[in-house]
Amino acid sequence: MKKFTKITPEGTKDFLFAECSAMDDVCGKIEAVFTTRGFKKVITPAVEFYDVFSLPCSGIEQEAMYKTTDNKGRLLVLRPDSTLPIARMVSTRLKNSLLPVRLYYKQAVYRSHPTLTGRTSENMQMGVELLGVQGIRADLEVLTTAVSAVSAVASDFRIELGHAGVFDALSDNLSIDEAYKEKIRVSIEGKNYSALNNLLDKLAPCKAVSAIRSLPSLFGGEEVFEKALDVCKGTKAVEALEYLHTLYKSLLPLDLGEKLIVDLGLVQRNDYYTGIVFSGYISGIGDAVLSGGRYDELLGEFDLPMGAAGFAIDTDAVTMKILSEGAISYSDNPDVLVFAKDGNEMRAIAMVDELNKDGVKAQFSVLPTLEATKAFADERGIAEVREV
């Protein structure tokens, strides 16, 4: 039987040296944004009970979860999402907290992609959750935090903004079941006009069908709202559109220009999101690196109903993008390598400590001779060797 002792499982990888330094740099910049905005760090277990993610609103397919059992035979999964465990935690450990609660996390999520080669199964994410509050102030806090976080690690980005209530209001007027509604949603999200038209052509013509057909094309700047209000006139979607327009205008002082885009075809997991939804993209990365929105009904599944909104950033994708550009060097070389003669080892170690305290990157040589230390320094490109 073949032993897999020298490879990692599909969808995973080892991170080495510069990759780790770049990851620390990216995460550190994002973390500085979160802490400055008053969010407090939490960590949830990498292994959770399957029940946490089996809720109808989770939107996570069972096939995408890595499963095992505990010693009592109970079904466990590797954490495929961070928001649901945080909802569990808030409903138990933090249920008596003064609201709102501001939380952030930095942890990996695990999902299997058996039909999508090239996708990673282990992803480091950072994100925030703002819990116990609703309204435009809360939405602006989450959105501006997202913009600041992305801005901290990239200059060429865009934020796409939508509202789950638009599609919900329109689809509620159709005599279709949830499965058919989900097919329509997926077609809109993927901007698959052919599939969407095929689905809608089977329905009786009405205002809602016409409006849903237009959603994928309602994409752009502020001019989108006038078109959308005309298309959705007379439906309950107007209320969501007017709120989204107010939110959009509130963000104008950020001077994002073309980086802020309205996308009414952004209809992510409408069984999960209840209000604004948004995605963030960085030039050179095909998939969204940021996604989030308002999910006011989720905490009710844990018997603690409250308003909630948040987002997550794929820090792995951002890190790999920065490294591929080669614009920043993440060298772990010291400025000085200190070699100790026999008997002077502790003096040399003390010198290393003093140099580092003075801001000079120093490292103690563990090689047996000065010649070997100099050869190592030449090979690594270390500028100076000191002998004690």
Protein backbone atom coordinates (compact mmCIF):
# COMPACT_ATOMS: atom_id res chain seq x y z
CA MET A 1 0.00 0.00 0.00
CA LYS A 2 1.36 3.41 -1.01
CA LYS A 3 2.23 5.72 1.89
CA PHE A 4 1.57 9.43 1.41
CA THR A 5 4.42 10.63 3.59
CA LYS A 6 5.90 13.32 1.34
CA ILE A 7 2.89 15.13 -0.09
CA THR A 8 0.06 17.22 1.30
CA PRO A 9 -3.63 16.44 0.69
CA GLU A 10 -5.20 17.92 -2.44
CA GLY A 11 -6.11 21.56 -2.00
CA THR A 12 -3.52 22.20 0.73
CA LYS A 13 0.08 23.41 0.70
CA ASP A 14 3.05 24.23 2.90
CA PHE A 15 3.90 27.91 3.36
CA LEU A 16 7.61 28.69 3.50
CA PHE A 17 9.79 31.63 4.54
CA ALA A 18 8.82 34.60 2.33
CA GLU A 19 5.27 33.28 2.03
CA CYS A 20 4.91 33.26 5.82
CA SER A 21 6.46 36.73 6.10
CA ALA A 22 4.12 38.07 3.43
CA MET A 23 1.13 36.43 5.13
CA ASP A 24 2.11 37.99 8.46
CA ASP A 25 2.44 41.38 6.77
CA VAL A 26 -0.97 41.14 5.08
CA CYS A 27 -2.72 39.88 8.19
CA GLY A 28 -0.99 42.45 10.36
CA LYS A 29 -2.21 45.34 8.22
CA ILE A 30 -5.77 44.03 8.21
CA GLU A 31 -5.66 43.31 11.94
CA ALA A 32 -4.56 46.90 12.60
CA VAL A 33 -7.70 48.12 10.81
CA PHE A 34 -9.94 45.82 12.83
CA THR A 35 -8.47 46.67 16.22
CA THR A 36 -8.48 50.40 15.45
CA ARG A 37 -12.20 50.14 14.70
CA GLY A 38 -12.81 48.50 18.08
CA PHE A 39 -13.25 44.87 17.05
CA LYS A 40 -12.07 42.21 19.54
CA LYS A 41 -10.38 38.98 18.47
CA VAL A 42 -11.98 35.58 18.99
CA ILE A 43 -10.96 32.07 17.95
CA THR A 44 -13.36 29.19 17.44
CA PRO A 45 -12.43 25.47 17.34
CA ALA A 46 -11.15 24.02 14.08
CA VAL A 47 -13.48 21.06 14.75
CA GLU A 48 -17.20 21.68 15.33
CA PHE A 49 -20.32 19.54 15.52
CA TYR A 50 -21.89 19.02 12.10
CA ASP A 51 -25.20 20.38 13.47
CA VAL A 52 -23.77 23.93 13.56
CA PHE A 53 -23.49 23.90 9.76
CA SER A 54 -26.56 21.80 8.91
CA LEU A 55 -28.99 24.69 9.43
CA PRO A 56 -31.10 25.43 6.32
CA CYS A 57 -29.66 28.94 6.11
CA SER A 58 -26.02 27.86 6.17
CA GLY A 59 -25.77 27.47 2.40
CA ILE A 60 -22.91 24.98 2.80
CA GLU A 61 -23.37 21.69 0.99
CA GLN A 62 -22.72 18.59 3.06
CA GLU A 63 -20.37 17.30 0.36
CA ALA A 64 -18.12 20.33 0.85
CA MET A 65 -17.42 19.53 4.52
CA TYR A 66 -14.60 17.39 5.88
CA LYS A 67 -16.20 15.03 8.39
CA THR A 68 -15.12 12.76 11.22
CA THR A 69 -16.61 11.48 14.48
CA ASP A 70 -15.75 11.88 18.13
CA ASN A 71 -15.34 9.01 20.61
CA LYS A 72 -19.12 9.00 21.16
CA GLY A 73 -19.90 8.57 17.49
CA ARG A 74 -21.14 12.15 17.03
CA LEU A 75 -20.56 13.72 13.62
CA LEU A 76 -17.89 16.44 13.51
CA VAL A 77 -16.63 18.67 10.70
CA LEU A 78 -13.57 20.78 10.09
CA ARG A 79 -14.73 24.41 10.27
CA PRO A 80 -16.03 25.30 6.73
CA ASP A 81 -17.12 28.80 7.76
CA SER A 82 -16.40 31.23 10.61
CA THR A 83 -19.67 33.15 10.92
CA LEU A 84 -21.78 30.19 12.06
CA PRO A 85 -19.38 29.16 14.86
CA ILE A 86 -19.24 32.78 16.00
CA ALA A 87 -23.05 32.86 16.07
CA ARG A 88 -22.94 29.70 18.22
CA MET A 89 -20.37 31.28 20.52
CA VAL A 90 -22.28 34.56 20.88
CA SER A 91 -25.50 32.71 21.69
CA THR A 92 -23.76 30.88 24.56
CA ARG A 93 -20.60 32.52 25.89
CA LEU A 94 -21.61 36.10 25.02
CA LYS A 95 -25.39 36.02 25.29
CA ASN A 96 -25.43 38.50 28.19
CA SER A 97 -22.95 40.92 26.62
CA LEU A 98 -23.68 44.61 26.23
CA LEU A 99 -24.71 45.17 22.62
CA PRO A 100 -23.44 45.77 20.06
CA VAL A 101 -20.66 43.18 20.07
CA ARG A 102 -17.70 43.78 17.73
CA LEU A 103 -15.69 40.65 16.94
CA TYR A 104 -12.94 39.76 14.48
CA TYR A 105 -11.16 36.52 13.63
CA LYS A 106 -8.13 35.16 11.85
CA GLN A 107 -8.46 31.45 11.19
CA ALA A 108 -8.55 28.82 8.48
CA VAL A 109 -11.69 27.38 6.92
CA TYR A 110 -11.82 23.98 5.22
CA ARG A 111 -13.94 23.03 2.24
CA SER A 112 -13.66 20.22 -0.26
CA HIS A 113 -13.97 21.06 -3.97
CA PRO A 114 -14.08 17.66 -5.68
CA THR A 115 -15.28 19.04 -9.03
CA LEU A 116 -13.20 22.22 -9.07
CA THR A 117 -9.53 21.44 -9.60
CA GLY A 118 -7.12 24.15 -8.63
CA ARG A 119 -9.26 25.43 -5.75
CA THR A 120 -7.74 25.29 -2.29
CA SER A 121 -9.38 23.28 0.48
CA GLU A 122 -7.72 25.19 3.32
CA ASN A 123 -8.01 28.98 3.32
CA MET A 124 -6.87 31.50 5.90
CA GLN A 125 -9.51 34.16 6.41
CA MET A 126 -9.86 37.32 8.42
CA GLY A 127 -13.20 38.96 9.04
CA VAL A 128 -15.45 40.93 11.35
CA GLU A 129 -18.90 40.41 12.79
CA LEU A 130 -20.94 43.34 14.15
CA LEU A 131 -23.73 41.84 16.25
CA GLY A 132 -26.75 43.23 18.06
CA VAL A 133 -27.47 46.27 15.92
CA GLN A 134 -29.27 47.13 12.67
CA GLY A 135 -29.70 50.18 10.50
CA ILE A 136 -27.63 52.40 8.25
CA ARG A 137 -25.04 53.25 10.92
CA ALA A 138 -24.19 49.59 11.41
CA ASP A 139 -24.11 48.92 7.67
CA LEU A 140 -21.82 51.89 7.09
CA GLU A 141 -19.50 50.73 9.88
CA VAL A 142 -19.16 47.28 8.31
CA LEU A 143 -18.76 48.62 4.77
CA THR A 144 -16.19 51.28 5.64
CA THR A 145 -14.23 48.74 7.69
CA ALA A 146 -14.20 46.46 4.64
CA VAL A 147 -12.98 49.29 2.42
CA SER A 148 -10.24 50.20 4.91
CA ALA A 149 -9.13 46.57 5.22
CA VAL A 150 -8.83 46.08 1.47
CA SER A 151 -7.18 49.48 1.04
CA ALA A 152 -4.54 48.44 3.59
CA VAL A 153 -3.29 45.62 1.35
CA ALA A 154 -4.16 46.72 -2.20
CA SER A 155 -4.63 49.91 -4.18
CA ASP A 156 -6.32 48.51 -7.29
CA PHE A 157 -9.59 47.09 -5.98
CA ARG A 158 -13.34 47.43 -6.36
CA ILE A 159 -16.27 46.94 -4.03
CA GLU A 160 -19.54 45.66 -5.52
CA LEU A 161 -22.65 46.53 -3.56
CA GLY A 162 -26.10 44.95 -3.71
CA HIS A 163 -29.14 44.14 -1.58
CA ALA A 164 -30.64 40.72 -0.93
CA GLY A 165 -34.06 42.31 -0.51
CA VAL A 166 -34.32 43.17 -4.21
CA PHE A 167 -34.29 39.59 -5.45
CA ASP A 168 -36.29 38.38 -2.45
CA ALA A 169 -39.07 40.88 -3.03
CA LEU A 170 -39.28 40.09 -6.74
CA SER A 171 -39.08 36.30 -6.40
CA ASP A 172 -41.77 36.29 -3.70
CA ASN A 173 -44.22 37.35 -6.42
CA LEU A 174 -43.54 34.18 -8.41
CA SER A 175 -45.40 30.91 -7.96
CA ILE A 176 -42.27 28.76 -7.70
CA ASP A 177 -40.75 26.51 -5.07
CA GLU A 178 -37.45 27.14 -3.27
CA ALA A 179 -35.50 24.83 -5.56
CA TYR A 180 -36.61 26.72 -8.67
CA LYS A 181 -35.90 30.03 -6.93
CA GLU A 182 -32.37 28.82 -6.15
CA LYS A 183 -31.76 27.92 -9.80
CA ILE A 184 -32.77 31.45 -10.79
CA ARG A 185 -30.55 32.94 -8.08
CA VAL A 186 -27.52 30.94 -9.21
CA SER A 187 -28.10 32.00 -12.83
CA ILE A 188 -28.24 35.66 -11.82
CA GLU A 189 -25.17 35.44 -9.61
CA GLY A 190 -23.20 33.80 -12.41
CA LYS A 191 -24.60 36.26 -14.96
CA ASN A 192 -25.65 33.24 -17.00
CA TYR A 193 -28.17 35.00 -19.24
CA SER A 194 -28.99 31.91 -21.26
CA ALA A 195 -29.86 29.77 -18.23
CA LEU A 196 -31.75 32.64 -16.61
CA ASN A 197 -33.85 33.27 -19.70
CA ASN A 198 -34.65 29.57 -20.03
CA LEU A 199 -35.88 29.48 -16.44
CA LEU A 200 -37.91 32.69 -16.71
CA ASP A 201 -39.42 31.79 -20.09
CA LYS A 202 -41.24 28.93 -18.39
CA LEU A 203 -43.05 31.36 -16.07
CA ALA A 204 -46.08 33.49 -16.80
CA PRO A 205 -45.02 36.99 -17.91
CA CYS A 206 -45.35 39.63 -15.17
CA LYS A 207 -43.60 42.65 -13.72
CA ALA A 208 -41.48 40.51 -11.37
CA VAL A 209 -40.28 38.20 -14.16
CA SER A 210 -39.31 41.18 -16.29
CA ALA A 211 -37.45 42.80 -13.40
CA ILE A 212 -35.57 39.61 -12.47
CA ARG A 213 -34.52 39.21 -16.09
CA SER A 214 -32.88 42.65 -15.89
CA LEU A 215 -30.98 42.14 -12.62
CA PRO A 216 -27.68 40.80 -14.07
CA SER A 217 -27.39 43.85 -16.34
CA LEU A 218 -28.05 46.38 -13.58
CA PHE A 219 -24.38 46.94 -12.90
CA GLY A 220 -22.41 50.18 -12.72
CA GLY A 221 -22.46 53.55 -10.98
CA GLU A 222 -25.22 55.65 -9.48
CA GLU A 223 -27.10 55.64 -12.78
CA VAL A 224 -28.10 52.02 -12.02
CA PHE A 225 -30.61 53.18 -9.41
CA GLU A 226 -32.72 55.14 -11.88
CA LYS A 227 -32.87 52.15 -14.23
CA ALA A 228 -33.61 49.74 -11.40
CA LEU A 229 -36.37 51.87 -9.90
CA ASP A 230 -38.02 52.06 -13.30
CA VAL A 231 -37.77 48.29 -13.81
CA CYS A 232 -39.01 47.49 -10.29
CA LYS A 233 -41.65 50.21 -10.03
CA GLY A 234 -44.76 48.95 -8.25
CA THR A 235 -42.96 46.06 -6.48
CA LYS A 236 -41.71 45.69 -2.90
CA ALA A 237 -38.14 45.77 -4.26
CA VAL A 238 -38.35 49.58 -4.40
CA GLU A 239 -37.85 49.88 -0.63
CA ALA A 240 -34.60 47.89 -0.77
CA LEU A 241 -33.41 49.92 -3.76
CA GLU A 242 -34.07 53.23 -2.02
CA TYR A 243 -32.18 52.08 1.08
CA LEU A 244 -29.26 50.90 -1.06
CA HIS A 245 -29.20 54.24 -2.87
CA THR A 246 -29.05 56.08 0.46
CA LEU A 247 -26.19 53.85 1.56
CA TYR A 248 -24.37 54.41 -1.74
CA LYS A 249 -24.65 58.20 -1.41
CA SER A 250 -23.40 58.01 2.17
CA LEU A 251 -20.22 56.34 0.90
CA LEU A 252 -19.45 59.02 -1.69
CA PRO A 253 -17.21 61.07 0.68
CA LEU A 254 -14.74 58.17 0.58
CA ASP A 255 -13.94 59.26 -3.02
CA LEU A 256 -13.84 55.68 -4.22
CA GLY A 257 -14.96 56.69 -7.72
CA GLU A 258 -15.12 53.67 -10.01
CA LYS A 259 -13.95 51.43 -7.18
CA LEU A 260 -17.52 51.49 -5.79
CA ILE A 261 -19.94 49.60 -8.05
CA VAL A 262 -23.64 48.85 -7.74
CA ASP A 263 -24.42 45.26 -8.74
CA LEU A 264 -28.04 44.18 -8.41
CA GLY A 265 -27.03 40.81 -9.80
CA LEU A 266 -25.18 40.23 -6.52
CA VAL A 267 -27.62 37.75 -4.98
CA GLN A 268 -25.43 35.62 -2.76
CA ARG A 269 -27.17 32.97 -0.64
CA ASN A 270 -30.46 34.76 -0.14
CA ASP A 271 -31.48 32.19 2.46
CA TYR A 272 -28.63 33.62 4.55
CA TYR A 273 -28.35 37.32 3.76
CA THR A 274 -31.26 39.61 4.58
CA GLY A 275 -30.05 43.09 3.62
CA ILE A 276 -26.97 44.58 2.00
CA VAL A 277 -24.54 42.21 0.32
CA PHE A 278 -21.13 43.12 -1.01
CA SER A 279 -18.03 41.63 -2.59
CA GLY A 280 -14.50 42.91 -2.99
CA TYR A 281 -12.12 42.23 -5.87
CA ILE A 282 -8.42 42.97 -6.30
CA SER A 283 -6.92 43.39 -9.76
CA GLY A 284 -5.22 40.18 -10.88
CA ILE A 285 -7.32 37.86 -8.71
CA GLY A 286 -10.26 36.30 -10.53
CA ASP A 287 -12.40 35.36 -7.54
CA ALA A 288 -13.74 37.74 -4.93
CA VAL A 289 -11.28 38.20 -2.06
CA LEU A 290 -13.92 39.74 0.19
CA SER A 291 -17.57 38.92 0.73
CA GLY A 292 -20.15 39.86 3.31
CA GLY A 293 -23.47 41.43 4.13
CA ARG A 294 -26.31 41.60 6.63
CA TYR A 295 -27.73 38.37 8.09
CA ASP A 296 -30.32 39.38 10.68
CA GLU A 297 -32.02 35.98 10.91
CA LEU A 298 -28.97 33.81 11.61
CA LEU A 299 -28.71 34.37 15.37
CA GLY A 300 -32.38 33.40 15.69
CA GLU A 301 -31.35 29.88 14.65
CA PHE A 302 -29.31 29.81 17.87
CA ASP A 303 -32.22 31.16 19.97
CA LEU A 304 -30.72 34.63 20.29
CA PRO A 305 -32.28 36.78 17.55
CA MET A 306 -30.45 40.01 16.81
CA GLY A 307 -29.21 42.10 13.94
CA ALA A 308 -25.87 41.06 12.49
CA ALA A 309 -23.54 41.94 9.63
CA GLY A 310 -19.98 41.11 8.69
CA PHE A 311 -17.49 40.09 6.03
CA ALA A 312 -14.51 37.82 5.42
CA ILE A 313 -11.27 38.39 3.49
CA ASP A 314 -9.33 35.58 1.79
CA THR A 315 -5.87 36.50 3.05
CA ASP A 316 -4.24 33.56 1.25
CA ALA A 317 -5.30 34.97 -2.13
CA VAL A 318 -4.08 38.46 -1.24
CA THR A 319 -0.73 37.10 -0.05
CA MET A 320 -0.13 35.03 -3.18
CA LYS A 321 -0.99 38.05 -5.34
CA ILE A 322 1.53 40.28 -3.56
CA LEU A 323 4.24 37.63 -3.80
CA SER A 324 3.59 37.05 -7.51
CA GLU A 325 4.17 40.73 -8.22
CA GLY A 326 7.61 40.59 -6.61
CA ALA A 327 7.29 44.24 -5.63
CA ILE A 328 8.12 43.59 -1.97
CA SER A 329 11.06 41.57 -0.68
CA TYR A 330 10.38 39.46 2.39
CA SER A 331 13.96 38.56 3.42
CA ASP A 332 14.65 36.82 6.71
CA ASN A 333 18.40 37.46 6.46
CA PRO A 334 20.06 39.14 9.45
CA ASP A 335 22.29 42.17 8.96
CA VAL A 336 25.00 40.60 11.11
CA LEU A 337 25.98 36.98 11.76
CA VAL A 338 27.91 36.59 15.05
CA PHE A 339 30.42 33.73 15.41
CA ALA A 340 31.81 32.68 18.82
CA LYS A 341 35.25 31.28 19.47
CA ASP A 342 35.29 28.23 21.71
CA GLY A 343 34.21 29.31 25.19
CA ASN A 344 32.74 32.62 24.03
CA GLU A 345 29.32 31.29 23.06
CA MET A 346 27.37 33.12 25.76
CA ARG A 347 29.21 36.39 25.05
CA ALA A 348 28.23 36.06 21.38
CA ILE A 349 24.58 35.35 22.26
CA ALA A 350 24.59 38.40 24.53
CA MET A 351 25.98 40.49 21.65
CA VAL A 352 23.18 39.25 19.40
CA ASP A 353 20.61 40.33 21.99
CA GLU A 354 22.18 43.78 22.31
CA LEU A 355 22.35 44.31 18.54
CA ASN A 356 18.70 43.34 18.15
CA LYS A 357 17.74 45.74 20.95
CA ASP A 358 19.57 48.50 19.05
CA GLY A 359 17.60 47.74 15.89
CA VAL A 360 20.29 45.74 14.10
CA LYS A 361 19.07 42.35 12.91
CA ALA A 362 21.58 39.90 14.29
CA GLN A 363 21.79 36.13 14.46
CA PHE A 364 24.05 33.74 16.36
CA SER A 365 26.05 31.36 14.15
CA VAL A 366 25.66 27.73 15.20
CA LEU A 367 28.29 26.55 12.72
CA PRO A 368 31.53 25.07 14.17
CA THR A 369 34.12 27.33 12.47
CA LEU A 370 34.57 30.92 11.35
CA GLU A 371 35.30 29.72 7.81
CA ALA A 372 32.03 27.79 7.65
CA THR A 373 30.18 30.83 9.04
CA LYS A 374 31.69 33.13 6.38
CA ALA A 375 30.86 30.67 3.61
CA PHE A 376 27.28 30.45 4.86
CA ALA A 377 27.04 34.26 4.99
CA ASP A 378 28.34 34.57 1.41
CA GLU A 379 25.84 31.98 0.18
CA ARG A 380 22.90 33.66 1.94
CA GLY A 381 23.96 37.22 1.11
CA ILE A 382 24.50 38.27 4.74
CA ALA A 383 26.54 41.46 4.72
CA GLU A 384 28.60 41.15 7.91
CA VAL A 385 30.16 38.45 10.08
CA ARG A 386 31.46 39.37 13.55
CA GLU A 387 33.72 37.17 15.64
CA VAL A 388 33.66 37.21 19.43
